[in-house]
């Protein structure tokens, strides 16, 4: 089995006031991952390059299938025949490749993929041609009246629970994380990556493999801000409650409202803002 290394050591000069010293620092690795899709009936099967994304090595299979799912290219895990991980030499660097093979009868939905899928660690929608190309349709229709509620006390606990489980962040200080919790605040899944959208694709890919979708009885916590592409990916997985430690964008709020999701931002230090569908949050304090 491939051993995926997520960090590396680097020699640095540490400056503290007027003092400086040579030290060893731990860095989060950032390398490209190419996702290829193999599909069609034998003997006319074809291979198509779908995406190149800069990511932290680790959980690459989950990242690939999570990406294909949240982009609406595959429907569920039953579309998958095999997922193969390989390396090739690319100039002075190693370029990692994942090839996802679909079952013979599966026709991938590539109509939204006819755009530049080159993404970076800072933005999950770089190169996409239009807003319509981004808004893929979820297989799971979200109901604003979903019988799913969470107390403010549970929400207050989530950032600390996430932080305690961020093993790579502890070593590097440089990774995004996302986690799934149940309504009682118990951790279900957690994934980290140098790219926030990659972390979520890894998490959703893992849930897809485990047969956990739709995630309509879970809370998604994001370690940073809530952007449009993260809300879109959450909606594809059927998530109805998304909380972020940072701020949401205006388009994230708009999309969350359109999908009937509850969106929370600035969840830290016993405070948070509710931006959409506040009825799912049980507030024990008096209204100001």
C-alpha atoms as a PDB file:
ATOM      1  CA  UNK A   1       0.000   0.000   0.000  1.00  0.00           C
ATOM      2  CA  UNK A   2       1.245   3.482  -0.895  1.00  0.00           C
ATOM      3  CA  UNK A   3       2.489   5.440   2.090  1.00  0.00           C
ATOM      4  CA  UNK A   4       1.417   9.061   1.633  1.00  0.00           C
ATOM      5  CA  UNK A   5       3.705  11.541   3.404  1.00  0.00           C
ATOM      6  CA  UNK A   6       2.023  14.830   4.335  1.00  0.00           C
ATOM      7  CA  UNK A   7       4.903  16.768   5.931  1.00  0.00           C
ATOM      8  CA  UNK A   8       8.622  17.382   5.455  1.00  0.00           C
ATOM      9  CA  UNK A   9      11.437  18.908   7.493  1.00  0.00           C
ATOM     10  CA  UNK A  10      13.152  22.159   6.505  1.00  0.00           C
ATOM     11  CA  UNK A  11      16.113  24.082   7.917  1.00  0.00           C
ATOM     12  CA  UNK A  12      15.172  27.646   8.919  1.00  0.00           C
ATOM     13  CA  UNK A  13      16.531  30.640  10.783  1.00  0.00           C
ATOM     14  CA  UNK A  14      14.257  31.522  13.713  1.00  0.00           C
ATOM     15  CA  UNK A  15      14.244  35.230  14.609  1.00  0.00           C
ATOM     16  CA  UNK A  16      12.931  36.305  18.020  1.00  0.00           C
ATOM     17  CA  UNK A  17      13.541  39.946  18.750  1.00  0.00           C
ATOM     18  CA  UNK A  18      17.304  40.457  18.440  1.00  0.00           C
ATOM     19  CA  UNK A  19      18.037  36.747  18.775  1.00  0.00           C
ATOM     20  CA  UNK A  20      18.276  34.265  15.920  1.00  0.00           C
ATOM     21  CA  UNK A  21      19.055  30.572  15.731  1.00  0.00           C
ATOM     22  CA  UNK A  22      19.103  27.714  13.236  1.00  0.00           C
ATOM     23  CA  UNK A  23      16.168  25.348  13.701  1.00  0.00           C
ATOM     24  CA  UNK A  24      14.262  22.583  11.954  1.00  0.00           C
ATOM     25  CA  UNK A  25      10.699  23.395  10.930  1.00  0.00           C
ATOM     26  CA  UNK A  26       7.920  21.068   9.764  1.00  0.00           C
ATOM     27  CA  UNK A  27       6.149  22.047   6.537  1.00  0.00           C
ATOM     28  CA  UNK A  28       2.904  20.811   5.026  1.00  0.00           C
ATOM     29  CA  UNK A  29       3.700  19.251   1.645  1.00  0.00           C
ATOM     30  CA  UNK A  30       1.977  20.748  -1.393  1.00  0.00           C
ATOM     31  CA  UNK A  31       2.115  18.722  -4.625  1.00  0.00           C
ATOM     32  CA  UNK A  32      -0.051  18.414  -7.737  1.00  0.00           C
ATOM     33  CA  UNK A  33      -2.567  15.633  -8.121  1.00  0.00           C
ATOM     34  CA  UNK A  34      -3.922  14.823 -11.561  1.00  0.00           C
ATOM     35  CA  UNK A  35      -7.316  13.119 -11.669  1.00  0.00           C
ATOM     36  CA  UNK A  36      -8.010  10.982 -14.729  1.00  0.00           C
ATOM     37  CA  UNK A  37     -11.304   9.317 -15.588  1.00  0.00           C
ATOM     38  CA  UNK A  38     -11.543   6.004 -17.492  1.00  0.00           C
ATOM     39  CA  UNK A  39     -14.994   5.201 -18.877  1.00  0.00           C
ATOM     40  CA  UNK A  40     -16.966   3.704 -21.763  1.00  0.00           C
ATOM     41  CA  UNK A  41     -17.735   0.279 -23.150  1.00  0.00           C
ATOM     42  CA  UNK A  42     -14.879  -2.109 -24.003  1.00  0.00           C
ATOM     43  CA  UNK A  43     -13.010  -2.122 -26.329  1.00  0.00           C
ATOM     44  CA  UNK A  44     -13.638   1.609 -26.804  1.00  0.00           C
ATOM     45  CA  UNK A  45     -12.929   2.794 -23.278  1.00  0.00           C
ATOM     46  CA  UNK A  46     -11.306   6.214 -23.075  1.00  0.00           C
ATOM     47  CA  UNK A  47      -9.263   8.133 -20.531  1.00  0.00           C
ATOM     48  CA  UNK A  48      -9.925  11.816 -19.921  1.00  0.00           C
ATOM     49  CA  UNK A  49      -7.858  14.197 -17.802  1.00  0.00           C
ATOM     50  CA  UNK A  50     -10.366  15.857 -15.494  1.00  0.00           C
ATOM     51  CA  UNK A  51      -8.428  17.991 -13.028  1.00  0.00           C
ATOM     52  CA  UNK A  52      -5.075  19.008 -11.619  1.00  0.00           C
ATOM     53  CA  UNK A  53      -5.242  20.313  -8.079  1.00  0.00           C
ATOM     54  CA  UNK A  54      -2.540  21.342  -5.623  1.00  0.00           C
ATOM     55  CA  UNK A  55      -3.030  19.312  -2.461  1.00  0.00           C
ATOM     56  CA  UNK A  56      -1.384  17.790   0.602  1.00  0.00           C
ATOM     57  CA  UNK A  57      -0.651  14.084  -0.086  1.00  0.00           C
ATOM     58  CA  UNK A  58      -2.871  11.795   1.953  1.00  0.00           C
ATOM     59  CA  UNK A  59      -6.352  10.358   1.355  1.00  0.00           C
ATOM     60  CA  UNK A  60      -5.842  10.914  -2.379  1.00  0.00           C
ATOM     61  CA  UNK A  61      -8.392   8.273  -3.384  1.00  0.00           C
ATOM     62  CA  UNK A  62     -11.015   9.993  -1.228  1.00  0.00           C
ATOM     63  CA  UNK A  63     -10.061  13.330  -2.771  1.00  0.00           C
ATOM     64  CA  UNK A  64     -10.460  12.036  -6.320  1.00  0.00           C
ATOM     65  CA  UNK A  65     -13.830  10.371  -5.865  1.00  0.00           C
ATOM     66  CA  UNK A  66     -15.068  13.170  -3.614  1.00  0.00           C
ATOM     67  CA  UNK A  67     -14.154  15.702  -6.284  1.00  0.00           C
ATOM     68  CA  UNK A  68     -15.921  13.712  -9.021  1.00  0.00           C
ATOM     69  CA  UNK A  69     -19.001  13.392  -6.823  1.00  0.00           C
ATOM     70  CA  UNK A  70     -19.225  17.026  -5.683  1.00  0.00           C
ATOM     71  CA  UNK A  71     -18.757  18.170  -9.271  1.00  0.00           C
ATOM     72  CA  UNK A  72     -21.719  15.986 -10.313  1.00  0.00           C
ATOM     73  CA  UNK A  73     -19.615  13.812 -12.645  1.00  0.00           C
ATOM     74  CA  UNK A  74     -20.496  10.570 -10.795  1.00  0.00           C
ATOM     75  CA  UNK A  75     -23.681   9.781  -8.841  1.00  0.00           C
ATOM     76  CA  UNK A  76     -22.562   7.368  -6.146  1.00  0.00           C
ATOM     77  CA  UNK A  77     -19.987   4.733  -5.208  1.00  0.00           C
ATOM     78  CA  UNK A  78     -21.689   2.127  -7.394  1.00  0.00           C
ATOM     79  CA  UNK A  79     -20.396   4.017 -10.452  1.00  0.00           C
ATOM     80  CA  UNK A  80     -16.845   3.081  -9.473  1.00  0.00           C
ATOM     81  CA  UNK A  81     -15.001   0.043 -10.822  1.00  0.00           C
ATOM     82  CA  UNK A  82     -11.469   0.758  -9.542  1.00  0.00           C
ATOM     83  CA  UNK A  83      -9.289   3.618  -8.361  1.00  0.00           C
ATOM     84  CA  UNK A  84      -5.564   3.323  -9.091  1.00  0.00           C
ATOM     85  CA  UNK A  85      -2.818   5.511  -7.649  1.00  0.00           C
ATOM     86  CA  UNK A  86       0.506   5.899  -9.451  1.00  0.00           C
ATOM     87  CA  UNK A  87       3.508   8.205  -9.769  1.00  0.00           C
ATOM     88  CA  UNK A  88       5.394   9.393 -12.819  1.00  0.00           C
ATOM     89  CA  UNK A  89       8.486  11.523 -13.197  1.00  0.00           C
ATOM     90  CA  UNK A  90       7.702  15.081 -14.231  1.00  0.00           C
ATOM     91  CA  UNK A  91      10.807  17.230 -14.838  1.00  0.00           C
ATOM     92  CA  UNK A  92      12.466  17.569 -11.428  1.00  0.00           C
ATOM     93  CA  UNK A  93       9.282  16.895  -9.486  1.00  0.00           C
ATOM     94  CA  UNK A  94       6.914  14.001  -8.987  1.00  0.00           C
ATOM     95  CA  UNK A  95       3.449  14.455 -10.352  1.00  0.00           C
ATOM     96  CA  UNK A  96       0.898  12.235  -8.636  1.00  0.00           C
ATOM     97  CA  UNK A  97      -1.856  10.668 -10.694  1.00  0.00           C
ATOM     98  CA  UNK A  98      -5.123   9.046  -9.669  1.00  0.00           C
ATOM     99  CA  UNK A  99      -7.018   7.143 -12.342  1.00  0.00           C
ATOM    100  CA  UNK A 100     -10.658   6.490 -11.548  1.00  0.00           C
ATOM    101  CA  UNK A 101     -12.235   3.696 -13.591  1.00  0.00           C
ATOM    102  CA  UNK A 102     -15.998   3.666 -13.952  1.00  0.00           C
ATOM    103  CA  UNK A 103     -18.123   0.586 -14.504  1.00  0.00           C
ATOM    104  CA  UNK A 104     -18.731  -0.156 -18.189  1.00  0.00           C
ATOM    105  CA  UNK A 105     -22.385   0.896 -18.126  1.00  0.00           C
ATOM    106  CA  UNK A 106     -21.752   4.246 -16.390  1.00  0.00           C
ATOM    107  CA  UNK A 107     -21.810   7.413 -18.479  1.00  0.00           C
ATOM    108  CA  UNK A 108     -20.145  10.268 -16.551  1.00  0.00           C
ATOM    109  CA  UNK A 109     -21.837  13.660 -16.608  1.00  0.00           C
ATOM    110  CA  UNK A 110     -19.084  15.641 -18.250  1.00  0.00           C
ATOM    111  CA  UNK A 111     -21.217  18.476 -19.612  1.00  0.00           C
ATOM    112  CA  UNK A 112     -20.118  20.651 -16.696  1.00  0.00           C
ATOM    113  CA  UNK A 113     -16.491  19.526 -17.033  1.00  0.00           C
ATOM    114  CA  UNK A 114     -15.801  21.264 -20.349  1.00  0.00           C
ATOM    115  CA  UNK A 115     -13.872  24.026 -18.653  1.00  0.00           C
ATOM    116  CA  UNK A 116     -10.396  24.529 -17.278  1.00  0.00           C
ATOM    117  CA  UNK A 117     -10.359  22.355 -14.141  1.00  0.00           C
ATOM    118  CA  UNK A 118      -6.935  23.562 -13.008  1.00  0.00           C
ATOM    119  CA  UNK A 119      -7.462  24.564  -9.396  1.00  0.00           C
ATOM    120  CA  UNK A 120      -5.150  25.925  -6.736  1.00  0.00           C
ATOM    121  CA  UNK A 121      -4.882  25.442  -3.008  1.00  0.00           C
ATOM    122  CA  UNK A 122      -6.551  28.795  -2.378  1.00  0.00           C
ATOM    123  CA  UNK A 123      -9.576  28.632  -4.659  1.00  0.00           C
ATOM    124  CA  UNK A 124     -11.778  25.739  -5.698  1.00  0.00           C
ATOM    125  CA  UNK A 125     -13.432  27.491  -8.657  1.00  0.00           C
ATOM    126  CA  UNK A 126     -10.457  28.915 -10.594  1.00  0.00           C
ATOM    127  CA  UNK A 127     -10.904  28.624 -14.346  1.00  0.00           C
ATOM    128  CA  UNK A 128     -14.553  27.673 -14.308  1.00  0.00           C
ATOM    129  CA  UNK A 129     -16.343  29.313 -17.169  1.00  0.00           C
ATOM    130  CA  UNK A 130     -19.516  30.592 -15.528  1.00  0.00           C
ATOM    131  CA  UNK A 131     -21.652  30.508 -12.432  1.00  0.00           C
ATOM    132  CA  UNK A 132     -23.965  28.014 -14.159  1.00  0.00           C
ATOM    133  CA  UNK A 133     -21.055  25.605 -14.625  1.00  0.00           C
ATOM    134  CA  UNK A 134     -20.373  25.660 -10.894  1.00  0.00           C
ATOM    135  CA  UNK A 135     -23.921  25.110  -9.640  1.00  0.00           C
ATOM    136  CA  UNK A 136     -24.204  21.379 -10.175  1.00  0.00           C
ATOM    137  CA  UNK A 137     -27.453  19.749  -9.151  1.00  0.00           C
ATOM    138  CA  UNK A 138     -27.465  17.695  -5.972  1.00  0.00           C
ATOM    139  CA  UNK A 139     -28.944  14.213  -5.910  1.00  0.00           C
ATOM    140  CA  UNK A 140     -30.287  15.046  -2.461  1.00  0.00           C
ATOM    141  CA  UNK A 141     -33.043  17.616  -2.227  1.00  0.00           C
ATOM    142  CA  UNK A 142     -32.692  19.566   0.994  1.00  0.00           C
ATOM    143  CA  UNK A 143     -35.851  20.317   2.938  1.00  0.00           C
ATOM    144  CA  UNK A 144     -35.988  23.543   4.961  1.00  0.00           C
ATOM    145  CA  UNK A 145     -38.265  21.731   7.379  1.00  0.00           C
ATOM    146  CA  UNK A 146     -35.833  18.856   7.991  1.00  0.00           C
ATOM    147  CA  UNK A 147     -36.311  17.558  11.549  1.00  0.00           C
ATOM    148  CA  UNK A 148     -32.720  18.205  12.582  1.00  0.00           C
ATOM    149  CA  UNK A 149     -31.822  20.558  15.413  1.00  0.00           C
ATOM    150  CA  UNK A 150     -28.671  21.420  17.328  1.00  0.00           C
ATOM    151  CA  UNK A 151     -28.204  23.356  20.544  1.00  0.00           C
ATOM    152  CA  UNK A 152     -25.928  26.359  20.912  1.00  0.00           C
ATOM    153  CA  UNK A 153     -24.032  24.537  23.668  1.00  0.00           C
ATOM    154  CA  UNK A 154     -23.060  21.765  21.237  1.00  0.00           C
ATOM    155  CA  UNK A 155     -21.998  24.314  18.620  1.00  0.00           C
ATOM    156  CA  UNK A 156     -19.740  26.066  21.128  1.00  0.00           C
ATOM    157  CA  UNK A 157     -17.866  22.761  21.686  1.00  0.00           C
ATOM    158  CA  UNK A 158     -17.140  21.994  18.042  1.00  0.00           C
ATOM    159  CA  UNK A 159     -14.150  24.298  17.271  1.00  0.00           C
ATOM    160  CA  UNK A 160     -12.184  22.949  20.223  1.00  0.00           C
ATOM    161  CA  UNK A 161     -13.065  19.367  19.276  1.00  0.00           C
ATOM    162  CA  UNK A 162     -11.821  20.025  15.742  1.00  0.00           C
ATOM    163  CA  UNK A 163      -8.628  21.685  16.916  1.00  0.00           C
ATOM    164  CA  UNK A 164      -7.752  18.793  19.239  1.00  0.00           C
ATOM    165  CA  UNK A 165      -7.931  16.357  16.301  1.00  0.00           C
ATOM    166  CA  UNK A 166      -5.868  18.371  13.779  1.00  0.00           C
ATOM    167  CA  UNK A 167      -2.700  16.303  13.873  1.00  0.00           C
ATOM    168  CA  UNK A 168      -1.011  17.733  10.771  1.00  0.00           C
ATOM    169  CA  UNK A 169      -1.943  21.296  11.709  1.00  0.00           C
ATOM    170  CA  UNK A 170      -0.281  20.769  15.079  1.00  0.00           C
ATOM    171  CA  UNK A 171       2.947  19.881  13.285  1.00  0.00           C
ATOM    172  CA  UNK A 172       2.851  22.555  10.567  1.00  0.00           C
ATOM    173  CA  UNK A 173       0.331  25.282  11.446  1.00  0.00           C
ATOM    174  CA  UNK A 174      -0.508  25.416   7.738  1.00  0.00           C
ATOM    175  CA  UNK A 175      -3.522  23.261   6.898  1.00  0.00           C
ATOM    176  CA  UNK A 176      -7.252  23.681   6.544  1.00  0.00           C
ATOM    177  CA  UNK A 177      -9.578  21.135   8.116  1.00  0.00           C
ATOM    178  CA  UNK A 178     -13.202  20.111   7.944  1.00  0.00           C
ATOM    179  CA  UNK A 179     -15.083  17.682  10.147  1.00  0.00           C
ATOM    180  CA  UNK A 180     -18.436  15.975  10.466  1.00  0.00           C
ATOM    181  CA  UNK A 181     -20.156  15.814  13.849  1.00  0.00           C
ATOM    182  CA  UNK A 182     -23.471  14.307  14.896  1.00  0.00           C
ATOM    183  CA  UNK A 183     -26.104  16.442  16.619  1.00  0.00           C
ATOM    184  CA  UNK A 184     -24.650  15.456  20.011  1.00  0.00           C
ATOM    185  CA  UNK A 185     -21.237  16.859  19.057  1.00  0.00           C
ATOM    186  CA  UNK A 186     -19.469  13.509  18.547  1.00  0.00           C
ATOM    187  CA  UNK A 187     -16.800  13.527  15.826  1.00  0.00           C
ATOM    188  CA  UNK A 188     -17.595  11.295  12.831  1.00  0.00           C
ATOM    189  CA  UNK A 189     -14.921  12.186  10.261  1.00  0.00           C
ATOM    190  CA  UNK A 190     -12.100  14.718   9.872  1.00  0.00           C
ATOM    191  CA  UNK A 191      -9.825  15.529   6.955  1.00  0.00           C
ATOM    192  CA  UNK A 192      -7.013  18.092   6.468  1.00  0.00           C
ATOM    193  CA  UNK A 193      -5.388  19.604   3.385  1.00  0.00           C
ATOM    194  CA  UNK A 194      -3.492  22.683   2.247  1.00  0.00           C
ATOM    195  CA  UNK A 195      -6.604  23.480   0.147  1.00  0.00           C
ATOM    196  CA  UNK A 196      -9.919  23.970   1.938  1.00  0.00           C
ATOM    197  CA  UNK A 197     -11.896  22.547  -0.977  1.00  0.00           C
ATOM    198  CA  UNK A 198      -9.576  19.507  -1.107  1.00  0.00           C
ATOM    199  CA  UNK A 199     -10.158  18.835   2.587  1.00  0.00           C
ATOM    200  CA  UNK A 200     -13.908  18.790   1.999  1.00  0.00           C
ATOM    201  CA  UNK A 201     -13.619  16.589  -1.096  1.00  0.00           C
ATOM    202  CA  UNK A 202     -11.543  14.119   0.950  1.00  0.00           C
ATOM    203  CA  UNK A 203     -14.163  14.098   3.698  1.00  0.00           C
ATOM    204  CA  UNK A 204     -17.093  13.644   1.302  1.00  0.00           C
ATOM    205  CA  UNK A 205     -15.146  11.027  -0.668  1.00  0.00           C
ATOM    206  CA  UNK A 206     -14.614   9.057   2.537  1.00  0.00           C
ATOM    207  CA  UNK A 207     -18.318   9.333   3.394  1.00  0.00           C
ATOM    208  CA  UNK A 208     -19.172   8.162  -0.130  1.00  0.00           C
ATOM    209  CA  UNK A 209     -16.922   5.117   0.222  1.00  0.00           C
ATOM    210  CA  UNK A 210     -18.452   4.271   3.602  1.00  0.00           C
ATOM    211  CA  UNK A 211     -22.019   4.557   2.275  1.00  0.00           C
ATOM    212  CA  UNK A 212     -22.892   7.416   4.636  1.00  0.00           C
ATOM    213  CA  UNK A 213     -24.552   9.714   2.096  1.00  0.00           C
ATOM    214  CA  UNK A 214     -26.734  11.705   2.350  1.00  0.00           C
ATOM    215  CA  UNK A 215     -25.227  13.473   5.361  1.00  0.00           C
ATOM    216  CA  UNK A 216     -28.508  15.107   6.368  1.00  0.00           C
ATOM    217  CA  UNK A 217     -28.102  14.235  10.042  1.00  0.00           C
ATOM    218  CA  UNK A 218     -24.575  15.660  10.411  1.00  0.00           C
ATOM    219  CA  UNK A 219     -22.983  19.038  11.069  1.00  0.00           C
ATOM    220  CA  UNK A 220     -20.117  20.163   8.843  1.00  0.00           C
ATOM    221  CA  UNK A 221     -17.491  22.347  10.546  1.00  0.00           C
ATOM    222  CA  UNK A 222     -14.983  24.328   8.472  1.00  0.00           C
ATOM    223  CA  UNK A 223     -11.746  25.567  10.053  1.00  0.00           C
ATOM    224  CA  UNK A 224     -11.717  28.759   7.958  1.00  0.00           C
ATOM    225  CA  UNK A 225     -14.171  30.788   5.956  1.00  0.00           C
ATOM    226  CA  UNK A 226     -17.274  29.506   4.176  1.00  0.00           C
ATOM    227  CA  UNK A 227     -17.006  30.120   0.437  1.00  0.00           C
ATOM    228  CA  UNK A 228     -19.391  29.405  -2.406  1.00  0.00           C
ATOM    229  CA  UNK A 229     -17.645  26.248  -3.577  1.00  0.00           C
ATOM    230  CA  UNK A 230     -17.659  24.727  -0.067  1.00  0.00           C
ATOM    231  CA  UNK A 231     -21.402  25.312   0.306  1.00  0.00           C
ATOM    232  CA  UNK A 232     -21.964  23.806  -3.142  1.00  0.00           C
ATOM    233  CA  UNK A 233     -19.977  20.693  -2.211  1.00  0.00           C
ATOM    234  CA  UNK A 234     -21.813  20.388   1.125  1.00  0.00           C
ATOM    235  CA  UNK A 235     -25.152  20.597  -0.665  1.00  0.00           C
ATOM    236  CA  UNK A 236     -24.096  17.822  -3.059  1.00  0.00           C
ATOM    237  CA  UNK A 237     -23.600  15.576  -0.022  1.00  0.00           C
ATOM    238  CA  UNK A 238     -26.979  16.453   1.489  1.00  0.00           C
ATOM    239  CA  UNK A 239     -25.559  18.424   4.436  1.00  0.00           C
ATOM    240  CA  UNK A 240     -28.098  20.788   6.014  1.00  0.00           C
ATOM    241  CA  UNK A 241     -26.020  22.485   8.747  1.00  0.00           C
ATOM    242  CA  UNK A 242     -22.655  24.114   7.967  1.00  0.00           C
ATOM    243  CA  UNK A 243     -20.655  26.006  10.577  1.00  0.00           C
ATOM    244  CA  UNK A 244     -17.460  27.935   9.878  1.00  0.00           C
ATOM    245  CA  UNK A 245     -14.871  29.379  12.223  1.00  0.00           C
ATOM    246  CA  UNK A 246     -14.438  32.260   9.768  1.00  0.00           C
ATOM    247  CA  UNK A 247     -16.699  34.460   7.704  1.00  0.00           C
ATOM    248  CA  UNK A 248     -19.038  33.393   4.902  1.00  0.00           C
ATOM    249  CA  UNK A 249     -19.045  35.167   1.563  1.00  0.00           C
ATOM    250  CA  UNK A 250     -22.183  36.832   0.205  1.00  0.00           C
ATOM    251  CA  UNK A 251     -22.555  34.161  -2.469  1.00  0.00           C
ATOM    252  CA  UNK A 252     -22.160  31.392   0.127  1.00  0.00           C
ATOM    253  CA  UNK A 253     -25.028  32.874   2.119  1.00  0.00           C
ATOM    254  CA  UNK A 254     -27.168  33.173  -1.009  1.00  0.00           C
ATOM    255  CA  UNK A 255     -26.508  29.579  -2.053  1.00  0.00           C
ATOM    256  CA  UNK A 256     -27.099  28.205   1.456  1.00  0.00           C
ATOM    257  CA  UNK A 257     -30.453  29.959   1.517  1.00  0.00           C
ATOM    258  CA  UNK A 258     -31.362  28.603  -1.923  1.00  0.00           C
ATOM    259  CA  UNK A 259     -30.537  25.045  -0.790  1.00  0.00           C
ATOM    260  CA  UNK A 260     -32.395  25.391   2.529  1.00  0.00           C
ATOM    261  CA  UNK A 261     -29.181  24.980   4.542  1.00  0.00           C
ATOM    262  CA  UNK A 262     -28.437  26.473   7.929  1.00  0.00           C
ATOM    263  CA  UNK A 263     -25.208  28.478   7.666  1.00  0.00           C
ATOM    264  CA  UNK A 264     -23.249  29.636  10.714  1.00  0.00           C
ATOM    265  CA  UNK A 265     -20.163  31.838  10.675  1.00  0.00           C
ATOM    266  CA  UNK A 266     -17.619  33.190  13.175  1.00  0.00           C
ATOM    267  CA  UNK A 267     -18.084  30.175  15.449  1.00  0.00           C
ATOM    268  CA  UNK A 268     -15.435  30.864  18.085  1.00  0.00           C
ATOM    269  CA  UNK A 269     -15.057  32.003  21.695  1.00  0.00           C
ATOM    270  CA  UNK A 270     -18.664  31.216  22.611  1.00  0.00           C
ATOM    271  CA  UNK A 271     -20.157  33.316  19.809  1.00  0.00           C
ATOM    272  CA  UNK A 272     -21.532  32.718  16.319  1.00  0.00           C
ATOM    273  CA  UNK A 273     -23.698  34.322  13.647  1.00  0.00           C
ATOM    274  CA  UNK A 274     -26.625  32.519  12.000  1.00  0.00           C
ATOM    275  CA  UNK A 275     -27.031  33.595   8.382  1.00  0.00           C
ATOM    276  CA  UNK A 276     -29.756  31.294   7.049  1.00  0.00           C
ATOM    277  CA  UNK A 277     -32.508  29.014   8.376  1.00  0.00           C
ATOM    278  CA  UNK A 278     -32.023  29.798  12.052  1.00  0.00           C
ATOM    279  CA  UNK A 279     -34.897  27.499  13.107  1.00  0.00           C
ATOM    280  CA  UNK A 280     -32.507  24.528  13.339  1.00  0.00           C
ATOM    281  CA  UNK A 281     -30.442  26.161  16.108  1.00  0.00           C
ATOM    282  CA  UNK A 282     -31.814  25.848  19.636  1.00  0.00           C
ATOM    283  CA  UNK A 283     -30.970  29.037  21.536  1.00  0.00           C
ATOM    284  CA  UNK A 284     -31.202  28.808  25.325  1.00  0.00           C
ATOM    285  CA  UNK A 285     -30.526  32.485  26.042  1.00  0.00           C
ATOM    286  CA  UNK A 286     -32.974  35.341  25.793  1.00  0.00           C
ATOM    287  CA  UNK A 287     -33.028  37.236  22.495  1.00  0.00           C
ATOM    288  CA  UNK A 288     -31.205  40.570  22.611  1.00  0.00           C
END
